[in-house]
Protein backbone atom coordinates (compact mmCIF):
# COMPACT_ATOMS: atom_id res chain seq x y z
CA MET A 1 0.00 0.00 0.00
CA SER A 2 1.47 3.35 -1.01
CA SER A 3 1.78 5.95 1.74
CA ASP A 4 -0.37 8.50 -0.12
CA PHE A 5 -3.41 6.25 -0.56
CA ARG A 6 -5.42 6.87 2.61
CA PRO A 7 -5.65 10.69 2.47
CA TRP A 8 -7.82 10.37 -0.65
CA GLY A 9 -10.31 8.06 0.98
CA PRO A 10 -12.40 8.40 4.16
CA SER A 11 -11.90 6.22 7.16
CA SER A 12 -13.41 2.83 6.47
CA LYS A 13 -13.70 -0.45 8.31
CA LEU A 14 -13.30 -2.06 4.91
CA PHE A 15 -9.89 -0.48 4.31
CA GLY A 16 -7.16 -2.99 3.50
CA MET A 17 -9.39 -5.60 1.88
CA ARG A 18 -8.31 -7.32 -1.31
CA GLU A 19 -10.30 -7.22 -4.51
CA VAL A 20 -10.95 -10.96 -4.35
CA ASP A 21 -12.82 -10.43 -1.07
CA ILE A 22 -15.34 -7.80 -2.21
CA PRO A 23 -18.87 -8.69 -3.31
CA THR A 24 -19.77 -8.43 -6.97
CA PRO A 25 -20.79 -6.65 -9.05
CA ALA A 26 -18.43 -3.89 -7.95
CA LEU A 27 -16.99 -0.85 -9.70
CA VAL A 28 -13.27 -0.80 -8.98
CA ILE A 29 -11.18 2.31 -9.66
CA ASP A 30 -7.44 1.81 -10.12
CA LEU A 31 -5.79 4.77 -8.36
CA PRO A 32 -2.38 4.60 -10.07
CA THR A 33 -4.16 4.83 -13.44
CA VAL A 34 -6.30 7.75 -12.24
CA LYS A 35 -3.16 9.55 -11.09
CA ARG A 36 -1.47 9.03 -14.44
CA ASN A 37 -4.52 10.34 -16.31
CA ILE A 38 -4.77 13.41 -14.08
CA GLU A 39 -1.05 14.15 -14.24
CA ARG A 40 -1.00 13.78 -18.01
CA MET A 41 -3.76 16.37 -18.39
CA ALA A 42 -2.12 18.73 -15.90
CA SER A 43 1.16 18.51 -17.79
CA TYR A 44 -0.57 19.13 -21.13
CA VAL A 45 -2.38 22.32 -20.09
CA ALA A 46 0.67 23.67 -18.28
CA GLY A 47 2.73 23.14 -21.41
CA HIS A 48 0.27 25.06 -23.59
CA GLY A 49 -0.45 28.02 -21.36
CA PHE A 50 -4.07 27.47 -20.36
CA SER A 51 -5.89 25.88 -17.45
CA VAL A 52 -8.02 22.87 -16.66
CA ARG A 53 -11.31 23.04 -14.76
CA PRO A 54 -12.32 19.34 -14.61
CA HIS A 55 -15.97 18.41 -14.91
CA THR A 56 -16.84 16.20 -11.96
CA LYS A 57 -19.87 14.61 -13.68
CA THR A 58 -17.82 11.47 -14.37
CA HIS A 59 -16.28 10.52 -11.06
CA LYS A 60 -18.76 12.36 -8.73
CA SER A 61 -16.09 11.95 -6.07
CA VAL A 62 -14.69 14.40 -3.55
CA CYS A 63 -11.47 12.46 -3.23
CA VAL A 64 -10.82 12.39 -7.00
CA ALA A 65 -11.73 16.08 -7.27
CA ARG A 66 -9.18 16.78 -4.56
CA MET A 67 -6.56 14.91 -6.57
CA GLN A 68 -7.36 17.06 -9.59
CA CYS A 69 -7.07 20.28 -7.59
CA GLU A 70 -3.80 19.18 -6.05
CA ALA A 71 -2.52 18.53 -9.58
CA GLY A 72 -3.17 22.15 -10.52
CA ALA A 73 -6.82 22.46 -11.58
CA ILE A 74 -7.94 26.09 -11.18
CA GLY A 75 -11.42 25.03 -10.10
CA LEU A 76 -14.12 22.47 -10.77
CA SER A 77 -17.07 22.15 -13.12
CA VAL A 78 -20.42 20.65 -12.14
CA ALA A 79 -23.80 20.24 -13.80
CA LYS A 80 -26.11 20.84 -10.86
CA ALA A 81 -26.32 23.11 -7.85
CA GLY A 82 -26.38 20.13 -5.50
CA GLU A 83 -23.09 18.94 -6.99
CA ALA A 84 -21.70 22.45 -6.53
CA GLU A 85 -22.52 22.35 -2.83
CA VAL A 86 -20.59 19.10 -2.42
CA MET A 87 -17.61 20.07 -4.59
CA ALA A 88 -17.32 23.44 -2.85
CA THR A 89 -15.83 21.47 0.04
CA VAL A 90 -12.85 20.81 -2.24
CA SER A 91 -12.53 23.95 -4.37
CA ASP A 92 -13.28 27.65 -3.84
CA ASP A 93 -14.00 28.17 -7.56
CA ILE A 94 -16.99 26.31 -9.03
CA LEU A 95 -18.53 26.61 -12.49
CA VAL A 96 -22.08 25.33 -12.97
CA ALA A 97 -21.77 24.27 -16.61
CA TYR A 98 -25.51 24.07 -17.09
CA PRO A 99 -28.25 26.69 -17.63
CA ALA A 100 -29.40 26.81 -14.01
CA TRP A 101 -32.00 29.51 -13.46
CA ASP A 102 -34.98 28.00 -11.62
CA PRO A 103 -35.44 29.40 -8.08
CA PRO A 104 -34.26 26.41 -5.99
CA ARG A 105 -31.01 26.10 -7.94
CA VAL A 106 -30.13 29.77 -8.15
CA SER A 107 -30.95 30.24 -4.47
CA LEU A 108 -28.41 27.57 -3.54
CA ILE A 109 -25.86 29.03 -5.96
CA ALA A 110 -26.31 32.48 -4.41
CA GLN A 111 -25.90 31.01 -0.93
CA LEU A 112 -22.63 29.35 -1.98
CA ALA A 113 -21.47 32.59 -3.63
CA LYS A 114 -21.28 34.26 -0.21
CA SER A 115 -18.07 32.35 0.52
CA LYS A 116 -17.04 30.79 -2.82
CA THR A 117 -16.40 32.01 -6.34
CA MET A 118 -19.49 30.75 -8.14
CA ARG A 119 -19.97 30.96 -11.89
CA VAL A 120 -22.87 29.86 -14.09
CA ALA A 121 -23.11 29.43 -17.87
CA VAL A 122 -26.43 30.65 -19.32
CA ASP A 123 -28.00 31.47 -22.67
CA SER A 124 -31.10 33.55 -21.79
CA THR A 125 -32.07 36.84 -20.19
CA ILE A 126 -34.54 34.92 -18.00
CA ALA A 127 -31.63 33.08 -16.44
CA VAL A 128 -29.75 36.35 -15.96
CA ASP A 129 -32.74 37.97 -14.24
CA HIS A 130 -33.22 35.05 -11.88
CA LEU A 131 -29.53 34.87 -10.99
CA ASP A 132 -29.39 38.61 -10.31
CA ALA A 133 -32.47 38.49 -8.10
CA SER A 134 -31.16 35.57 -6.05
CA ALA A 135 -27.73 37.16 -5.72
CA ALA A 136 -29.38 40.36 -4.47
CA THR A 137 -31.44 38.45 -1.90
CA GLY A 138 -28.36 36.56 -0.75
CA LYS A 139 -26.14 39.66 -0.76
CA ALA A 140 -23.68 37.90 -3.04
CA THR A 141 -22.11 38.29 -6.47
CA ILE A 142 -22.36 35.52 -9.07
CA GLY A 143 -20.08 35.25 -12.07
CA VAL A 144 -21.81 34.53 -15.37
CA LEU A 145 -20.50 33.11 -18.66
CA VAL A 146 -22.41 33.50 -21.91
CA ASP A 147 -23.13 30.08 -23.42
CA PHE A 148 -22.32 30.22 -27.15
CA ASP A 149 -23.05 27.29 -29.46
CA THR A 150 -20.13 26.28 -31.67
CA GLY A 151 -21.64 23.17 -33.18
CA VAL A 152 -23.27 20.87 -30.65
CA HIS A 153 -26.71 22.49 -31.02
CA ARG A 154 -27.77 21.60 -27.50
CA THR A 155 -27.61 24.87 -25.58
CA GLY A 156 -26.00 28.19 -26.40
CA LEU A 157 -26.72 31.31 -28.42
CA GLN A 158 -26.38 30.90 -32.16
CA GLU A 159 -24.95 34.19 -33.41
CA PRO A 160 -22.33 36.68 -32.14
CA PRO A 161 -24.82 39.60 -31.90
CA GLN A 162 -27.00 37.49 -29.59
CA ALA A 163 -23.97 36.76 -27.40
CA LEU A 164 -23.20 40.48 -27.29
CA GLU A 165 -26.72 41.41 -26.19
CA LEU A 166 -26.69 38.83 -23.40
CA ALA A 167 -23.23 39.97 -22.29
CA LYS A 168 -24.48 43.56 -22.12
CA CYS A 169 -27.47 42.40 -20.08
CA ILE A 170 -25.21 40.58 -17.61
CA ASP A 171 -22.85 43.54 -17.37
CA SER A 172 -25.77 45.81 -16.47
CA LYS A 173 -26.83 43.73 -13.48
CA PRO A 174 -25.57 45.01 -10.11
CA ASN A 175 -25.24 41.56 -8.52
CA LEU A 176 -23.69 39.71 -11.45
CA ARG A 177 -20.20 39.74 -12.93
CA LEU A 178 -19.55 39.11 -16.63
CA ASP A 179 -16.80 36.50 -16.47
CA GLY A 180 -16.61 35.49 -20.13
CA LEU A 181 -17.68 32.99 -22.73
CA PHE A 182 -18.61 29.32 -22.48
CA THR A 183 -18.77 26.70 -25.23
CA TYR A 184 -18.59 22.94 -25.72
CA GLN A 185 -17.04 20.91 -28.52
CA GLY A 186 -18.53 17.49 -27.77
CA ASN A 187 -19.55 17.09 -31.40
CA ILE A 188 -15.95 17.01 -32.65
CA THR A 189 -14.34 13.58 -32.93
CA GLY A 190 -12.22 11.71 -35.44
CA GLU A 191 -8.60 11.77 -36.54
CA GLY A 192 -6.20 14.39 -35.23
CA GLY A 193 -6.05 16.34 -38.48
CA HIS A 194 -9.82 16.61 -38.64
CA ILE A 195 -10.03 17.73 -35.01
CA GLU A 196 -7.36 20.37 -35.61
CA VAL A 197 -9.31 21.85 -38.54
CA GLU A 198 -12.58 21.82 -36.60
CA LEU A 199 -11.05 23.46 -33.54
CA ARG A 200 -9.46 26.21 -35.61
CA GLN A 201 -12.91 26.93 -37.04
CA VAL A 202 -14.37 27.02 -33.52
CA ALA A 203 -11.64 29.49 -32.54
CA MET A 204 -12.65 31.75 -35.44
CA ARG A 205 -16.25 31.76 -34.23
CA ILE A 206 -15.22 32.54 -30.66
CA ASN A 207 -12.82 35.29 -31.72
CA GLU A 208 -15.62 36.88 -33.71
CA VAL A 209 -17.67 37.11 -30.51
CA LEU A 210 -14.75 38.43 -28.47
CA ALA A 211 -13.94 41.11 -31.05
CA LEU A 212 -17.55 42.26 -30.98
CA TRP A 213 -17.46 42.44 -27.19
CA ARG A 214 -14.26 44.50 -27.23
CA ASP A 215 -15.82 46.93 -29.69
CA HIS A 216 -18.51 47.55 -27.09
CA GLY A 217 -16.15 47.84 -24.13
CA LEU A 218 -16.72 44.33 -22.77
CA GLN A 219 -13.99 41.91 -21.72
CA SER A 220 -13.90 38.12 -21.48
CA PRO A 221 -11.31 37.04 -18.91
CA ILE A 222 -12.49 33.44 -19.23
CA VAL A 223 -13.11 31.49 -22.42
CA SER A 224 -14.11 28.01 -21.30
CA GLY A 225 -14.29 25.02 -23.64
CA GLY A 226 -14.95 21.38 -23.06
CA SER A 227 -14.88 17.70 -23.95
CA THR A 228 -12.46 14.84 -23.37
CA PRO A 229 -12.22 13.81 -27.06
CA THR A 230 -10.81 17.21 -28.02
CA ALA A 231 -8.90 17.87 -24.80
CA TYR A 232 -5.39 17.09 -26.04
CA TYR A 233 -5.97 19.13 -29.21
CA SER A 234 -7.18 22.21 -27.35
CA HIS A 235 -4.06 24.20 -28.24
CA PHE A 236 -5.43 24.44 -31.79
CA ASN A 237 -8.19 26.66 -30.37
CA ASP A 238 -6.18 29.77 -29.48
CA ALA A 239 -9.21 31.51 -27.98
CA LEU A 240 -9.49 29.22 -24.95
CA THR A 241 -8.24 30.10 -21.49
CA GLU A 242 -9.45 26.86 -19.87
CA ILE A 243 -10.89 23.44 -20.72
CA ARG A 244 -13.46 21.31 -18.88
CA PRO A 245 -12.79 17.63 -19.68
CA GLY A 246 -14.62 15.17 -17.46
CA THR A 247 -14.16 11.57 -18.57
CA TYR A 248 -10.36 11.82 -18.85
CA ALA A 249 -9.75 10.91 -15.20
CA TYR A 250 -11.31 7.45 -15.58
CA LEU A 251 -11.81 7.07 -19.33
CA ASP A 252 -14.03 4.30 -20.67
CA ARG A 253 -14.25 2.03 -23.69
CA ASN A 254 -16.01 4.57 -25.89
CA TYR A 255 -13.74 7.51 -25.12
CA ALA A 256 -10.62 5.37 -25.42
CA THR A 257 -11.88 4.31 -28.84
CA VAL A 258 -12.68 7.80 -30.16
CA THR A 259 -9.45 9.30 -28.77
CA GLY A 260 -7.22 6.44 -29.89
CA GLN A 261 -6.03 5.66 -26.36
CA SER A 262 -5.24 2.23 -25.02
CA LEU A 263 -7.82 0.43 -22.92
CA GLY A 264 -5.03 0.27 -20.36
CA ALA A 265 -5.73 3.95 -19.64
CA CYS A 266 -9.25 3.05 -18.44
CA ALA A 267 -9.12 3.28 -14.65
CA ALA A 268 -12.63 1.95 -13.96
CA GLN A 269 -13.65 -1.68 -14.33
CA VAL A 270 -16.69 -3.58 -13.13
CA VAL A 271 -15.73 -6.80 -11.37
CA ALA A 272 -18.44 -9.35 -12.11
CA THR A 273 -19.08 -13.04 -11.46
CA VAL A 274 -20.29 -15.69 -13.89
CA VAL A 275 -23.55 -16.84 -12.30
CA SER A 276 -24.88 -19.12 -15.03
CA ASN A 277 -23.61 -21.17 -17.98
CA ALA A 278 -26.71 -23.27 -18.54
CA VAL A 279 -27.45 -21.95 -22.04
CA PRO A 280 -25.10 -23.31 -24.75
CA GLY A 281 -22.75 -20.65 -26.10
CA LYS A 282 -23.76 -18.19 -23.39
CA VAL A 283 -22.78 -17.24 -19.87
CA VAL A 284 -24.46 -14.73 -17.58
CA LEU A 285 -22.68 -12.14 -15.44
CA ASP A 286 -24.17 -10.56 -12.34
CA CYS A 287 -23.83 -7.06 -13.84
CA GLY A 288 -26.90 -5.98 -15.78
CA SER A 289 -28.25 -2.58 -16.76
CA LYS A 290 -28.35 -1.53 -13.09
CA THR A 291 -24.57 -1.77 -13.06
CA LEU A 292 -23.22 -1.20 -16.58
CA ALA A 293 -25.99 1.04 -18.02
CA MET A 294 -27.42 0.44 -21.48
CA ASP A 295 -24.98 2.48 -23.54
CA GLY A 296 -23.79 0.83 -26.72
CA PHE A 297 -20.32 0.77 -28.22
CA VAL A 298 -19.34 3.61 -30.55
CA GLY A 299 -17.55 1.08 -32.74
CA GLY A 300 -20.85 -0.57 -33.68
CA PRO A 301 -23.68 -2.64 -32.19
CA SER A 302 -21.68 -5.87 -32.48
CA GLY A 303 -19.34 -4.53 -29.79
CA GLY A 304 -21.86 -5.15 -27.04
CA HIS A 305 -22.29 -3.39 -23.71
CA GLY A 306 -18.74 -3.51 -22.39
CA PHE A 307 -15.35 -5.11 -22.90
CA ILE A 308 -14.42 -8.21 -20.89
CA VAL A 309 -10.68 -7.94 -20.27
CA GLU A 310 -10.04 -11.65 -19.78
CA TYR A 311 -12.17 -12.66 -22.77
CA PRO A 312 -11.69 -10.06 -25.53
CA HIS A 313 -13.62 -12.16 -28.07
CA ALA A 314 -16.70 -12.44 -25.85
CA THR A 315 -19.61 -10.05 -26.41
CA ILE A 316 -22.01 -8.75 -23.77
CA ASP A 317 -24.91 -8.88 -26.20
CA ASN A 318 -27.84 -8.25 -23.87
CA LEU A 319 -28.49 -6.49 -20.58
CA THR A 320 -31.51 -6.88 -18.38
CA GLU A 321 -31.70 -5.30 -14.94
CA GLU A 322 -29.60 -7.90 -13.11
CA HIS A 323 -28.24 -10.07 -15.93
CA GLY A 324 -25.41 -9.47 -18.35
CA ARG A 325 -25.75 -12.07 -21.10
CA VAL A 326 -22.49 -12.90 -22.82
CA ASP A 327 -21.98 -14.61 -26.17
CA VAL A 328 -18.86 -16.78 -25.80
CA THR A 329 -19.07 -18.66 -29.09
CA GLN A 330 -16.01 -16.85 -30.45
CA CYS A 331 -13.88 -17.59 -27.39
CA ASP A 332 -11.24 -20.33 -27.37
CA GLN A 333 -12.32 -21.14 -23.85
CA ALA A 334 -15.46 -20.00 -22.03
CA PRO A 335 -15.35 -18.55 -18.52
CA LYS A 336 -16.25 -21.00 -15.79
CA LEU A 337 -19.17 -20.82 -13.43
CA GLY A 338 -18.15 -18.72 -10.42
CA GLU A 339 -15.23 -17.10 -12.26
CA ARG A 340 -14.65 -13.37 -11.79
CA VAL A 341 -14.04 -11.14 -14.79
CA HIS A 342 -13.33 -7.45 -15.34
CA VAL A 343 -15.58 -5.37 -17.62
CA ILE A 344 -14.56 -1.97 -19.00
CA PRO A 345 -17.84 -0.03 -19.33
CA ASN A 346 -18.77 1.66 -22.59
CA HIS A 347 -19.85 4.86 -20.80
CA ILE A 348 -18.40 5.39 -17.36
CA CYS A 349 -20.36 8.54 -16.37
CA VAL A 350 -23.69 6.73 -16.25
CA CYS A 351 -22.10 3.64 -14.77
CA VAL A 352 -20.69 5.62 -11.82
CA ASN A 353 -24.07 7.24 -11.17
CA LEU A 354 -25.61 3.78 -10.77
CA GLN A 355 -23.36 2.95 -7.81
CA ASN A 356 -23.79 3.96 -4.18
CA HIS A 357 -20.08 3.43 -3.68
CA VAL A 358 -16.98 2.38 -5.58
CA TRP A 359 -13.82 0.60 -4.56
CA LEU A 360 -10.53 2.51 -4.80
CA LYS A 361 -7.69 0.14 -5.56
CA ASP A 362 -4.00 0.75 -4.94
CA HIS A 363 -2.06 -2.32 -6.03
CA GLU A 364 -3.59 -5.18 -4.01
CA ALA A 365 -5.59 -3.26 -1.42
CA VAL A 366 -9.03 -1.73 -1.93
CA GLU A 367 -11.14 0.71 0.07
CA GLN A 368 -14.84 1.39 -0.28
CA VAL A 369 -15.79 5.06 -0.70
CA PRO A 370 -19.13 6.73 -1.49
CA VAL A 371 -20.12 8.23 -4.85
CA ASP A 372 -20.58 11.64 -3.27
CA THR A 373 -22.86 13.32 -5.82
CA ARG A 374 -24.75 10.28 -7.05
CA GLY A 375 -28.29 11.03 -8.16
CA MET A 376 -28.07 14.79 -7.67
CA LEU A 377 -30.49 15.96 -10.37
CA SER A 378 -30.92 19.58 -9.32
């Protein structure tokens, strides 16, 4: 056991157990791999002169967020106000990367803003009005970023003049602070050359907005962009001051595939047990949709619902709530009844949110820790 393992996990009676002793199905997180992933990202952004504000939606973990901050993250990103409240125990600078403007959420954000630097990304004057009113009630100041769509077509204003008008609206509010521009490049995937071209085009769109703002006396100290698939190409977008990758800390089968990384960089694996082999050519694992989630493989439907490390030619071809049905007809040897296997999930974010706790593993020892922001929908 390494000497720096325990500070990242809470006190636990289950500390010091071995993986072979834990009940299955269990989501096991390999800490040395997490550290390598975090340190790689920290080194990349430092080398290119911008910052990382990790999105905690993937790991939902205070201890992993602390690792990211200790590695140099300037703050944390969250999706929901409830997540912000939890992650504010780790970082004094939180960005709610979601158009939060309904009263319960903005009230909590304003409360947190009394002692923390709170920022919210929005794309409507309604959101701005609600944030300003809550900040006034709470005697706080909330930082706001204008959400500008650069291709995802999910949220975000569509044209630079719209972004200017919203920025002017924010700047006019006494309890808000115009902190900059927010965008997301989750639609960009593919080969490096293609990503480079796409990101340069995104930069042109962003710089058009920023030039318009400057012409009207407005500044954008923060230009925040996102996505793990584009993270290591972010230097091709010269407009960015920070990036918000989330999945990079754990990775998963899908992101490893689209980014060309080895499955060995995937820190999270579901340990499962073969509970049935009664059907010819099939075995059943004790990890169904309640454990792995239903996400398919980006490489095609024949890839199944996860990758079994010990049996790379097996296919998890069907998930019901408690059963993971595996086609083993292409395997030289089928797993035995009672055998334990390791499954790399297709989509780790959803998988983590299905667990009440995970197991942090450092070499042979494991410790059970809670998924701190599991199920926080608001």
